[in-house]
C-alpha cells in the first residue's frame, strides 16, 4: 500500500478511535463490497450476508480501540466478519440447492409446495453490488466473480464451517496460512489440513467449466443470442424450443418450491403439463 494511503488510513483510525463516526465510515467504505461478498460466500444468502456485514462493522466499531495494528486493517476486518459468519452458521440451517434438498420429482405430479423456512442458496447480484473482475490477490486461485457463482457457493455450503472459512480465506482472498490460522485461532498445520479436505469436496461438486469461463468463451454477441432465444421461446410458450436449448443432464428448479426435475426429457414432460406463462 502506498505510504500516502497508509498515512490517511492511520489518521482515520485515530479519528474513529476518538468517536468520529464519519471517519469510521470513510475507513471501512472501501472494504464494504468485498466484505459483503465474503459474508455471502460463507452464508449462501444475500440477506444473511447483509445482516452479518452490519453486525461485523458494528463489532469493528466497538473494538477499534483494541486494534493495535499488528495486522492490516483489512485482515482484522476479515477476521471479525469470518467469525461473525461462523456464529451465524451455528444458529441456522444449512443453505442448499433444491437438488441437494430432496430427490428429483416426478414431472407428472406438478410443481409441489414451497418449503416454509428458507433454506435455499440465493444467487448473488454481483453486477448490482459492484464486485470487481479478476483476483483478490496474486495468491488467490479463484476469481472474485467466479467465487460468487451459484455452483461455487452451493459447493461451499457442503463444507464444515471451518473448512469453508479456510478455503475462502486462502483460495479466494489469498491470505497466507499464518494469517488464516491467526484469524481462526488455530495452527498452520490445521489450516493446511482443512484446506486439503475442502479443496477435494469443492472440486468434486464444481462443473468442468466455470460460468465466467463459459461467458468468455461465448463472447457478448453469442451470449446475447442465446439469452434472447431462450427468453423468446419461453414468452411464446414454445416448450420444444426451450427444451432443445437444454443439455441432456440439465436440472430445472423453482425455489422456494422443493420440487426439481432432472434431464431434458423429464423437464419437457413437466413443462408440457404446466403452461410456461404460469411458472
C-alpha atoms as a PDB file:
ATOM      1  CA  UNK A   1       0.000   0.000   0.000  1.00  0.00           C
ATOM      2  CA  UNK A   2       1.389   3.470  -0.869  1.00  0.00           C
ATOM      3  CA  UNK A   3       2.690   5.447   2.088  1.00  0.00           C
ATOM      4  CA  UNK A   4       0.133   8.215   1.500  1.00  0.00           C
ATOM      5  CA  UNK A   5      -2.728   5.720   1.743  1.00  0.00           C
ATOM      6  CA  UNK A   6      -1.285   4.267   4.929  1.00  0.00           C
ATOM      7  CA  UNK A   7      -0.942   7.721   6.431  1.00  0.00           C
ATOM      8  CA  UNK A   8      -4.508   8.613   5.532  1.00  0.00           C
ATOM      9  CA  UNK A   9      -5.782   5.340   6.954  1.00  0.00           C
ATOM     10  CA  UNK A  10      -3.921   5.912  10.201  1.00  0.00           C
ATOM     11  CA  UNK A  11      -5.450   9.376  10.501  1.00  0.00           C
ATOM     12  CA  UNK A  12      -8.910   7.928  10.018  1.00  0.00           C
ATOM     13  CA  UNK A  13      -8.226   5.194  12.572  1.00  0.00           C
ATOM     14  CA  UNK A  14      -7.127   7.735  15.156  1.00  0.00           C
ATOM     15  CA  UNK A  15     -10.168   9.918  14.483  1.00  0.00           C
ATOM     16  CA  UNK A  16     -12.509   6.915  14.644  1.00  0.00           C
ATOM     17  CA  UNK A  17     -10.965   5.823  17.939  1.00  0.00           C
ATOM     18  CA  UNK A  18     -11.860   9.246  19.240  1.00  0.00           C
ATOM     19  CA  UNK A  19     -15.521   8.646  18.405  1.00  0.00           C
ATOM     20  CA  UNK A  20     -15.659  10.188  14.917  1.00  0.00           C
ATOM     21  CA  UNK A  21     -18.318   8.095  13.158  1.00  0.00           C
ATOM     22  CA  UNK A  22     -17.748   9.886   9.856  1.00  0.00           C
ATOM     23  CA  UNK A  23     -14.072   8.909   9.921  1.00  0.00           C
ATOM     24  CA  UNK A  24     -15.038   5.314  10.658  1.00  0.00           C
ATOM     25  CA  UNK A  25     -17.458   5.326   7.726  1.00  0.00           C
ATOM     26  CA  UNK A  26     -14.686   6.510   5.413  1.00  0.00           C
ATOM     27  CA  UNK A  27     -12.300   3.956   6.883  1.00  0.00           C
ATOM     28  CA  UNK A  28     -14.469   0.906   6.150  1.00  0.00           C
ATOM     29  CA  UNK A  29     -16.215   2.070   2.980  1.00  0.00           C
ATOM     30  CA  UNK A  30     -13.521   0.777   0.637  1.00  0.00           C
ATOM     31  CA  UNK A  31     -13.840  -2.693   2.205  1.00  0.00           C
ATOM     32  CA  UNK A  32     -17.640  -2.877   2.317  1.00  0.00           C
ATOM     33  CA  UNK A  33     -18.263  -4.597  -1.044  1.00  0.00           C
ATOM     34  CA  UNK A  34     -15.611  -7.265  -0.638  1.00  0.00           C
ATOM     35  CA  UNK A  35     -16.702  -7.968   2.942  1.00  0.00           C
ATOM     36  CA  UNK A  36     -20.312  -8.340   1.777  1.00  0.00           C
ATOM     37  CA  UNK A  37     -19.197 -10.844  -0.870  1.00  0.00           C
ATOM     38  CA  UNK A  38     -17.174 -12.700   1.779  1.00  0.00           C
ATOM     39  CA  UNK A  39     -20.200 -12.985   4.061  1.00  0.00           C
ATOM     40  CA  UNK A  40     -22.270 -14.219   1.112  1.00  0.00           C
ATOM     41  CA  UNK A  41     -19.755 -16.958   0.293  1.00  0.00           C
ATOM     42  CA  UNK A  42     -19.791 -18.049   3.905  1.00  0.00           C
ATOM     43  CA  UNK A  43     -23.578 -17.983   4.314  1.00  0.00           C
ATOM     44  CA  UNK A  44     -25.036 -18.584   0.827  1.00  0.00           C
ATOM     45  CA  UNK A  45     -27.662 -15.862   1.287  1.00  0.00           C
ATOM     46  CA  UNK A  46     -27.609 -12.211   0.257  1.00  0.00           C
ATOM     47  CA  UNK A  47     -29.942 -11.277   3.118  1.00  0.00           C
ATOM     48  CA  UNK A  48     -27.915 -13.182   5.704  1.00  0.00           C
ATOM     49  CA  UNK A  49     -24.745 -11.599   4.290  1.00  0.00           C
ATOM     50  CA  UNK A  50     -26.178  -8.114   4.755  1.00  0.00           C
ATOM     51  CA  UNK A  51     -27.067  -8.877   8.373  1.00  0.00           C
ATOM     52  CA  UNK A  52     -23.617 -10.369   9.015  1.00  0.00           C
ATOM     53  CA  UNK A  53     -21.879  -7.402   7.406  1.00  0.00           C
ATOM     54  CA  UNK A  54     -23.779  -4.904   9.549  1.00  0.00           C
ATOM     55  CA  UNK A  55     -23.024  -6.891  12.690  1.00  0.00           C
ATOM     56  CA  UNK A  56     -19.346  -7.171  11.707  1.00  0.00           C
ATOM     57  CA  UNK A  57     -18.986  -3.428  11.120  1.00  0.00           C
ATOM     58  CA  UNK A  58     -20.681  -2.705  14.453  1.00  0.00           C
ATOM     59  CA  UNK A  59     -18.307  -5.116  16.215  1.00  0.00           C
ATOM     60  CA  UNK A  60     -15.341  -3.496  14.457  1.00  0.00           C
ATOM     61  CA  UNK A  61     -16.503  -0.016  15.523  1.00  0.00           C
ATOM     62  CA  UNK A  62     -16.789  -1.132  19.130  1.00  0.00           C
ATOM     63  CA  UNK A  63     -13.481  -2.990  19.006  1.00  0.00           C
ATOM     64  CA  UNK A  64     -11.466  -0.328  17.195  1.00  0.00           C
ATOM     65  CA  UNK A  65      -9.815   0.987  20.394  1.00  0.00           C
ATOM     66  CA  UNK A  66      -8.308  -2.501  20.794  1.00  0.00           C
ATOM     67  CA  UNK A  67      -6.961  -2.651  17.217  1.00  0.00           C
ATOM     68  CA  UNK A  68      -3.182  -2.482  17.688  1.00  0.00           C
ATOM     69  CA  UNK A  69      -2.137  -2.551  14.044  1.00  0.00           C
ATOM     70  CA  UNK A  70      -0.182  -5.812  14.286  1.00  0.00           C
ATOM     71  CA  UNK A  71      -2.144  -6.965  11.228  1.00  0.00           C
ATOM     72  CA  UNK A  72      -3.536  -4.881   8.399  1.00  0.00           C
ATOM     73  CA  UNK A  73      -6.929  -3.257   8.889  1.00  0.00           C
ATOM     74  CA  UNK A  74      -8.254  -5.423   6.030  1.00  0.00           C
ATOM     75  CA  UNK A  75      -7.098  -8.630   7.686  1.00  0.00           C
ATOM     76  CA  UNK A  76      -8.586  -7.512  11.018  1.00  0.00           C
ATOM     77  CA  UNK A  77     -11.958  -6.749   9.392  1.00  0.00           C
ATOM     78  CA  UNK A  78     -11.972 -10.136   7.667  1.00  0.00           C
ATOM     79  CA  UNK A  79     -11.278 -11.844  10.985  1.00  0.00           C
ATOM     80  CA  UNK A  80     -14.300 -10.155  12.539  1.00  0.00           C
ATOM     81  CA  UNK A  81     -16.518 -10.885   9.510  1.00  0.00           C
ATOM     82  CA  UNK A  82     -15.448 -14.529   9.346  1.00  0.00           C
ATOM     83  CA  UNK A  83     -16.168 -15.170  12.998  1.00  0.00           C
ATOM     84  CA  UNK A  84     -19.499 -13.345  12.751  1.00  0.00           C
ATOM     85  CA  UNK A  85     -20.449 -15.671   9.896  1.00  0.00           C
ATOM     86  CA  UNK A  86     -19.304 -18.753  11.809  1.00  0.00           C
ATOM     87  CA  UNK A  87     -21.590 -17.709  14.667  1.00  0.00           C
ATOM     88  CA  UNK A  88     -24.478 -17.265  12.226  1.00  0.00           C
ATOM     89  CA  UNK A  89     -23.863 -20.700  10.665  1.00  0.00           C
ATOM     90  CA  UNK A  90     -24.128 -22.297  14.108  1.00  0.00           C
ATOM     91  CA  UNK A  91     -27.570 -20.727  14.626  1.00  0.00           C
ATOM     92  CA  UNK A  92     -29.389 -21.648  11.420  1.00  0.00           C
ATOM     93  CA  UNK A  93     -29.990 -24.483   8.922  1.00  0.00           C
ATOM     94  CA  UNK A  94     -27.515 -25.097   6.123  1.00  0.00           C
ATOM     95  CA  UNK A  95     -28.287 -23.369   2.825  1.00  0.00           C
ATOM     96  CA  UNK A  96     -28.723 -25.789  -0.084  1.00  0.00           C
ATOM     97  CA  UNK A  97     -29.965 -26.040  -3.656  1.00  0.00           C
ATOM     98  CA  UNK A  98     -33.176 -27.999  -4.321  1.00  0.00           C
ATOM     99  CA  UNK A  99     -31.079 -30.769  -5.916  1.00  0.00           C
ATOM    100  CA  UNK A 100     -29.325 -31.224  -2.537  1.00  0.00           C
ATOM    101  CA  UNK A 101     -32.545 -30.985  -0.516  1.00  0.00           C
ATOM    102  CA  UNK A 102     -34.523 -33.944  -1.876  1.00  0.00           C
ATOM    103  CA  UNK A 103     -34.567 -36.446  -4.788  1.00  0.00           C
ATOM    104  CA  UNK A 104     -35.765 -35.357  -8.230  1.00  0.00           C
ATOM    105  CA  UNK A 105     -39.566 -35.148  -8.514  1.00  0.00           C
ATOM    106  CA  UNK A 106     -41.975 -36.951 -10.812  1.00  0.00           C
ATOM    107  CA  UNK A 107     -42.754 -34.451 -13.605  1.00  0.00           C
ATOM    108  CA  UNK A 108     -46.365 -35.700 -13.789  1.00  0.00           C
ATOM    109  CA  UNK A 109     -47.084 -34.510 -10.240  1.00  0.00           C
ATOM    110  CA  UNK A 110     -46.742 -30.776 -10.806  1.00  0.00           C
ATOM    111  CA  UNK A 111     -44.639 -28.126  -9.069  1.00  0.00           C
ATOM    112  CA  UNK A 112     -45.391 -29.151  -5.461  1.00  0.00           C
ATOM    113  CA  UNK A 113     -45.333 -26.949  -2.367  1.00  0.00           C
ATOM    114  CA  UNK A 114     -42.786 -24.395  -1.118  1.00  0.00           C
ATOM    115  CA  UNK A 115     -40.543 -25.013   1.860  1.00  0.00           C
ATOM    116  CA  UNK A 116     -41.834 -22.884   4.740  1.00  0.00           C
ATOM    117  CA  UNK A 117     -38.425 -21.999   6.188  1.00  0.00           C
ATOM    118  CA  UNK A 118     -35.987 -20.554   3.679  1.00  0.00           C
ATOM    119  CA  UNK A 119     -33.078 -22.958   3.214  1.00  0.00           C
ATOM    120  CA  UNK A 120     -32.082 -22.142  -0.365  1.00  0.00           C
ATOM    121  CA  UNK A 121     -28.789 -20.800  -1.595  1.00  0.00           C
ATOM    122  CA  UNK A 122     -29.548 -17.413  -3.143  1.00  0.00           C
ATOM    123  CA  UNK A 123     -27.892 -16.013  -6.303  1.00  0.00           C
ATOM    124  CA  UNK A 124     -25.578 -13.047  -5.818  1.00  0.00           C
ATOM    125  CA  UNK A 125     -26.320  -9.840  -7.789  1.00  0.00           C
ATOM    126  CA  UNK A 126     -22.653  -9.019  -8.340  1.00  0.00           C
ATOM    127  CA  UNK A 127     -23.381  -6.554 -11.156  1.00  0.00           C
ATOM    128  CA  UNK A 128     -25.638  -4.530  -8.856  1.00  0.00           C
ATOM    129  CA  UNK A 129     -23.277  -4.688  -5.899  1.00  0.00           C
ATOM    130  CA  UNK A 130     -20.230  -3.809  -7.979  1.00  0.00           C
ATOM    131  CA  UNK A 131     -17.956  -6.790  -7.393  1.00  0.00           C
ATOM    132  CA  UNK A 132     -14.734  -6.321  -9.343  1.00  0.00           C
ATOM    133  CA  UNK A 133     -13.313  -8.625 -12.018  1.00  0.00           C
ATOM    134  CA  UNK A 134     -10.089 -10.577 -11.534  1.00  0.00           C
ATOM    135  CA  UNK A 135      -8.410 -11.995  -8.462  1.00  0.00           C
ATOM    136  CA  UNK A 136      -8.459 -10.510  -4.975  1.00  0.00           C
ATOM    137  CA  UNK A 137      -4.695 -11.069  -4.695  1.00  0.00           C
ATOM    138  CA  UNK A 138      -1.890 -12.780  -6.645  1.00  0.00           C
ATOM    139  CA  UNK A 139      -2.116 -15.779  -4.289  1.00  0.00           C
ATOM    140  CA  UNK A 140      -5.832 -16.406  -4.930  1.00  0.00           C
ATOM    141  CA  UNK A 141      -6.933 -19.377  -7.075  1.00  0.00           C
ATOM    142  CA  UNK A 142     -10.496 -18.257  -7.814  1.00  0.00           C
ATOM    143  CA  UNK A 143     -11.614 -15.045  -9.471  1.00  0.00           C
ATOM    144  CA  UNK A 144     -13.818 -12.763  -7.391  1.00  0.00           C
ATOM    145  CA  UNK A 145     -16.856 -13.122  -9.686  1.00  0.00           C
ATOM    146  CA  UNK A 146     -16.225 -16.823 -10.175  1.00  0.00           C
ATOM    147  CA  UNK A 147     -16.298 -17.211  -6.400  1.00  0.00           C
ATOM    148  CA  UNK A 148     -19.862 -15.860  -6.116  1.00  0.00           C
ATOM    149  CA  UNK A 149     -21.271 -18.130  -8.831  1.00  0.00           C
ATOM    150  CA  UNK A 150     -24.155 -20.225  -7.585  1.00  0.00           C
ATOM    151  CA  UNK A 151     -22.404 -23.558  -8.225  1.00  0.00           C
ATOM    152  CA  UNK A 152     -19.318 -22.493  -6.282  1.00  0.00           C
ATOM    153  CA  UNK A 153     -21.232 -21.050  -3.332  1.00  0.00           C
ATOM    154  CA  UNK A 154     -23.528 -24.099  -3.216  1.00  0.00           C
ATOM    155  CA  UNK A 155     -20.445 -26.334  -3.102  1.00  0.00           C
ATOM    156  CA  UNK A 156     -19.052 -24.276  -0.222  1.00  0.00           C
ATOM    157  CA  UNK A 157     -22.180 -24.891   1.838  1.00  0.00           C
ATOM    158  CA  UNK A 158     -21.334 -28.619   1.902  1.00  0.00           C
ATOM    159  CA  UNK A 159     -18.110 -27.927   3.788  1.00  0.00           C
ATOM    160  CA  UNK A 160     -17.729 -27.921   7.539  1.00  0.00           C
ATOM    161  CA  UNK A 161     -17.770 -24.273   8.688  1.00  0.00           C
ATOM    162  CA  UNK A 162     -14.044 -24.118   9.491  1.00  0.00           C
ATOM    163  CA  UNK A 163     -13.154 -25.723   6.134  1.00  0.00           C
ATOM    164  CA  UNK A 164     -15.390 -23.227   4.374  1.00  0.00           C
ATOM    165  CA  UNK A 165     -13.679 -20.319   6.095  1.00  0.00           C
ATOM    166  CA  UNK A 166     -10.199 -21.676   5.355  1.00  0.00           C
ATOM    167  CA  UNK A 167     -10.863 -22.279   1.668  1.00  0.00           C
ATOM    168  CA  UNK A 168     -12.382 -18.823   1.150  1.00  0.00           C
ATOM    169  CA  UNK A 169      -9.667 -17.002   3.047  1.00  0.00           C
ATOM    170  CA  UNK A 170      -6.852 -18.929   1.334  1.00  0.00           C
ATOM    171  CA  UNK A 171      -8.108 -19.640  -2.203  1.00  0.00           C
ATOM    172  CA  UNK A 172     -10.473 -16.728  -2.875  1.00  0.00           C
ATOM    173  CA  UNK A 173      -8.865 -13.928  -0.881  1.00  0.00           C
ATOM    174  CA  UNK A 174      -5.262 -15.092  -0.931  1.00  0.00           C
ATOM    175  CA  UNK A 175      -4.449 -14.742   2.778  1.00  0.00           C
ATOM    176  CA  UNK A 176      -1.430 -16.706   3.976  1.00  0.00           C
ATOM    177  CA  UNK A 177      -1.799 -19.849   6.072  1.00  0.00           C
ATOM    178  CA  UNK A 178      -0.397 -17.956   9.064  1.00  0.00           C
ATOM    179  CA  UNK A 179      -2.926 -15.124   8.663  1.00  0.00           C
ATOM    180  CA  UNK A 180      -5.784 -17.622   8.428  1.00  0.00           C
ATOM    181  CA  UNK A 181      -4.527 -19.525  11.465  1.00  0.00           C
ATOM    182  CA  UNK A 182      -4.414 -16.299  13.466  1.00  0.00           C
ATOM    183  CA  UNK A 183      -7.909 -15.326  12.331  1.00  0.00           C
ATOM    184  CA  UNK A 184      -9.395 -18.685  13.307  1.00  0.00           C
ATOM    185  CA  UNK A 185      -7.214 -19.107  16.419  1.00  0.00           C
ATOM    186  CA  UNK A 186      -5.758 -22.384  15.222  1.00  0.00           C
ATOM    187  CA  UNK A 187      -2.440 -23.693  13.881  1.00  0.00           C
ATOM    188  CA  UNK A 188      -0.935 -23.550  10.395  1.00  0.00           C
ATOM    189  CA  UNK A 189      -0.932 -27.393  10.085  1.00  0.00           C
ATOM    190  CA  UNK A 190      -4.654 -27.394  10.955  1.00  0.00           C
ATOM    191  CA  UNK A 191      -5.299 -24.763   8.295  1.00  0.00           C
ATOM    192  CA  UNK A 192      -3.385 -26.736   5.670  1.00  0.00           C
ATOM    193  CA  UNK A 193      -5.205 -29.946   6.565  1.00  0.00           C
ATOM    194  CA  UNK A 194      -8.615 -28.257   6.407  1.00  0.00           C
ATOM    195  CA  UNK A 195      -7.713 -26.703   3.059  1.00  0.00           C
ATOM    196  CA  UNK A 196      -6.807 -30.067   1.514  1.00  0.00           C
ATOM    197  CA  UNK A 197     -10.124 -31.596   2.575  1.00  0.00           C
ATOM    198  CA  UNK A 198     -12.077 -28.544   1.443  1.00  0.00           C
ATOM    199  CA  UNK A 199     -10.431 -28.490  -1.987  1.00  0.00           C
ATOM    200  CA  UNK A 200     -11.342 -32.118  -2.608  1.00  0.00           C
ATOM    201  CA  UNK A 201     -15.010 -31.636  -1.683  1.00  0.00           C
ATOM    202  CA  UNK A 202     -15.455 -28.455  -3.700  1.00  0.00           C
ATOM    203  CA  UNK A 203     -13.676 -29.739  -6.809  1.00  0.00           C
ATOM    204  CA  UNK A 204     -15.895 -32.846  -6.834  1.00  0.00           C
ATOM    205  CA  UNK A 205     -19.010 -30.664  -6.909  1.00  0.00           C
ATOM    206  CA  UNK A 206     -17.983 -27.971  -9.378  1.00  0.00           C
ATOM    207  CA  UNK A 207     -18.752 -28.167 -13.115  1.00  0.00           C
ATOM    208  CA  UNK A 208     -15.852 -28.679 -15.511  1.00  0.00           C
ATOM    209  CA  UNK A 209     -16.032 -25.030 -16.582  1.00  0.00           C
ATOM    210  CA  UNK A 210     -16.995 -22.017 -14.505  1.00  0.00           C
ATOM    211  CA  UNK A 211     -19.680 -19.600 -15.599  1.00  0.00           C
ATOM    212  CA  UNK A 212     -17.075 -16.885 -16.101  1.00  0.00           C
ATOM    213  CA  UNK A 213     -15.059 -19.143 -18.407  1.00  0.00           C
ATOM    214  CA  UNK A 214     -18.208 -20.022 -20.362  1.00  0.00           C
ATOM    215  CA  UNK A 215     -19.109 -16.352 -20.751  1.00  0.00           C
ATOM    216  CA  UNK A 216     -15.641 -15.537 -22.062  1.00  0.00           C
ATOM    217  CA  UNK A 217     -15.784 -18.478 -24.490  1.00  0.00           C
ATOM    218  CA  UNK A 218     -19.174 -17.388 -25.869  1.00  0.00           C
ATOM    219  CA  UNK A 219     -18.472 -13.694 -26.169  1.00  0.00           C
ATOM    220  CA  UNK A 220     -21.039 -10.918 -25.781  1.00  0.00           C
ATOM    221  CA  UNK A 221     -22.777 -11.407 -29.140  1.00  0.00           C
ATOM    222  CA  UNK A 222     -23.237 -15.173 -28.814  1.00  0.00           C
ATOM    223  CA  UNK A 223     -24.375 -14.827 -25.210  1.00  0.00           C
ATOM    224  CA  UNK A 224     -26.992 -12.243 -26.203  1.00  0.00           C
ATOM    225  CA  UNK A 225     -28.217 -14.548 -28.963  1.00  0.00           C
ATOM    226  CA  UNK A 226     -28.596 -17.497 -26.583  1.00  0.00           C
ATOM    227  CA  UNK A 227     -30.393 -15.449 -23.918  1.00  0.00           C
ATOM    228  CA  UNK A 228     -32.712 -13.746 -26.385  1.00  0.00           C
ATOM    229  CA  UNK A 229     -33.608 -17.084 -27.988  1.00  0.00           C
ATOM    230  CA  UNK A 230     -34.381 -18.655 -24.619  1.00  0.00           C
ATOM    231  CA  UNK A 231     -36.493 -15.716 -23.409  1.00  0.00           C
ATOM    232  CA  UNK A 232     -38.441 -15.508 -26.655  1.00  0.00           C
ATOM    233  CA  UNK A 233     -39.180 -19.249 -26.624  1.00  0.00           C
ATOM    234  CA  UNK A 234     -40.359 -19.003 -23.021  1.00  0.00           C
ATOM    235  CA  UNK A 235     -42.565 -15.989 -23.721  1.00  0.00           C
ATOM    236  CA  UNK A 236     -44.342 -17.662 -26.644  1.00  0.00           C
ATOM    237  CA  UNK A 237     -44.797 -20.888 -24.666  1.00  0.00           C
ATOM    238  CA  UNK A 238     -42.677 -22.974 -27.038  1.00  0.00           C
ATOM    239  CA  UNK A 239     -41.758 -25.944 -24.838  1.00  0.00           C
ATOM    240  CA  UNK A 240     -39.973 -27.772 -27.639  1.00  0.00           C
ATOM    241  CA  UNK A 241     -37.696 -24.792 -28.303  1.00  0.00           C
ATOM    242  CA  UNK A 242     -36.947 -24.310 -24.597  1.00  0.00           C
ATOM    243  CA  UNK A 243     -36.112 -27.989 -24.077  1.00  0.00           C
ATOM    244  CA  UNK A 244     -33.938 -28.103 -27.210  1.00  0.00           C
ATOM    245  CA  UNK A 245     -31.638 -25.500 -25.639  1.00  0.00           C
ATOM    246  CA  UNK A 246     -31.006 -27.626 -22.531  1.00  0.00           C
ATOM    247  CA  UNK A 247     -28.226 -30.147 -22.018  1.00  0.00           C
ATOM    248  CA  UNK A 248     -29.130 -33.809 -21.500  1.00  0.00           C
ATOM    249  CA  UNK A 249     -28.263 -33.629 -17.792  1.00  0.00           C
ATOM    250  CA  UNK A 250     -29.980 -30.291 -17.107  1.00  0.00           C
ATOM    251  CA  UNK A 251     -31.817 -29.720 -13.823  1.00  0.00           C
ATOM    252  CA  UNK A 252     -34.876 -27.485 -13.545  1.00  0.00           C
ATOM    253  CA  UNK A 253     -35.620 -25.908 -10.155  1.00  0.00           C
ATOM    254  CA  UNK A 254     -38.038 -23.252  -8.925  1.00  0.00           C
ATOM    255  CA  UNK A 255     -37.181 -22.119  -5.379  1.00  0.00           C
ATOM    256  CA  UNK A 256     -38.936 -21.664  -2.979  1.00  0.00           C
ATOM    257  CA  UNK A 257     -40.570 -24.883  -4.253  1.00  0.00           C
ATOM    258  CA  UNK A 258     -38.781 -28.028  -3.106  1.00  0.00           C
ATOM    259  CA  UNK A 259     -39.501 -29.910  -6.350  1.00  0.00           C
ATOM    260  CA  UNK A 260     -36.947 -30.170  -9.137  1.00  0.00           C
ATOM    261  CA  UNK A 261     -36.653 -32.161 -12.332  1.00  0.00           C
ATOM    262  CA  UNK A 262     -33.610 -33.819 -13.862  1.00  0.00           C
ATOM    263  CA  UNK A 263     -32.862 -34.463 -17.521  1.00  0.00           C
ATOM    264  CA  UNK A 264     -34.190 -32.917 -20.706  1.00  0.00           C
ATOM    265  CA  UNK A 265     -36.964 -35.487 -21.137  1.00  0.00           C
ATOM    266  CA  UNK A 266     -38.304 -35.106 -17.590  1.00  0.00           C
ATOM    267  CA  UNK A 267     -38.202 -31.310 -17.838  1.00  0.00           C
ATOM    268  CA  UNK A 268     -40.089 -31.463 -21.131  1.00  0.00           C
ATOM    269  CA  UNK A 269     -42.836 -33.637 -19.578  1.00  0.00           C
ATOM    270  CA  UNK A 270     -43.261 -31.152 -16.717  1.00  0.00           C
ATOM    271  CA  UNK A 271     -43.327 -28.092 -18.976  1.00  0.00           C
ATOM    272  CA  UNK A 272     -45.820 -29.744 -21.324  1.00  0.00           C
ATOM    273  CA  UNK A 273     -48.200 -30.184 -18.412  1.00  0.00           C
ATOM    274  CA  UNK A 274     -47.780 -26.701 -16.955  1.00  0.00           C
ATOM    275  CA  UNK A 275     -48.046 -23.563 -19.154  1.00  0.00           C
ATOM    276  CA  UNK A 276     -44.812 -21.610 -19.239  1.00  0.00           C
ATOM    277  CA  UNK A 277     -46.710 -18.380 -18.674  1.00  0.00           C
ATOM    278  CA  UNK A 278     -47.817 -19.669 -15.273  1.00  0.00           C
ATOM    279  CA  UNK A 279     -44.329 -20.583 -13.995  1.00  0.00           C
END
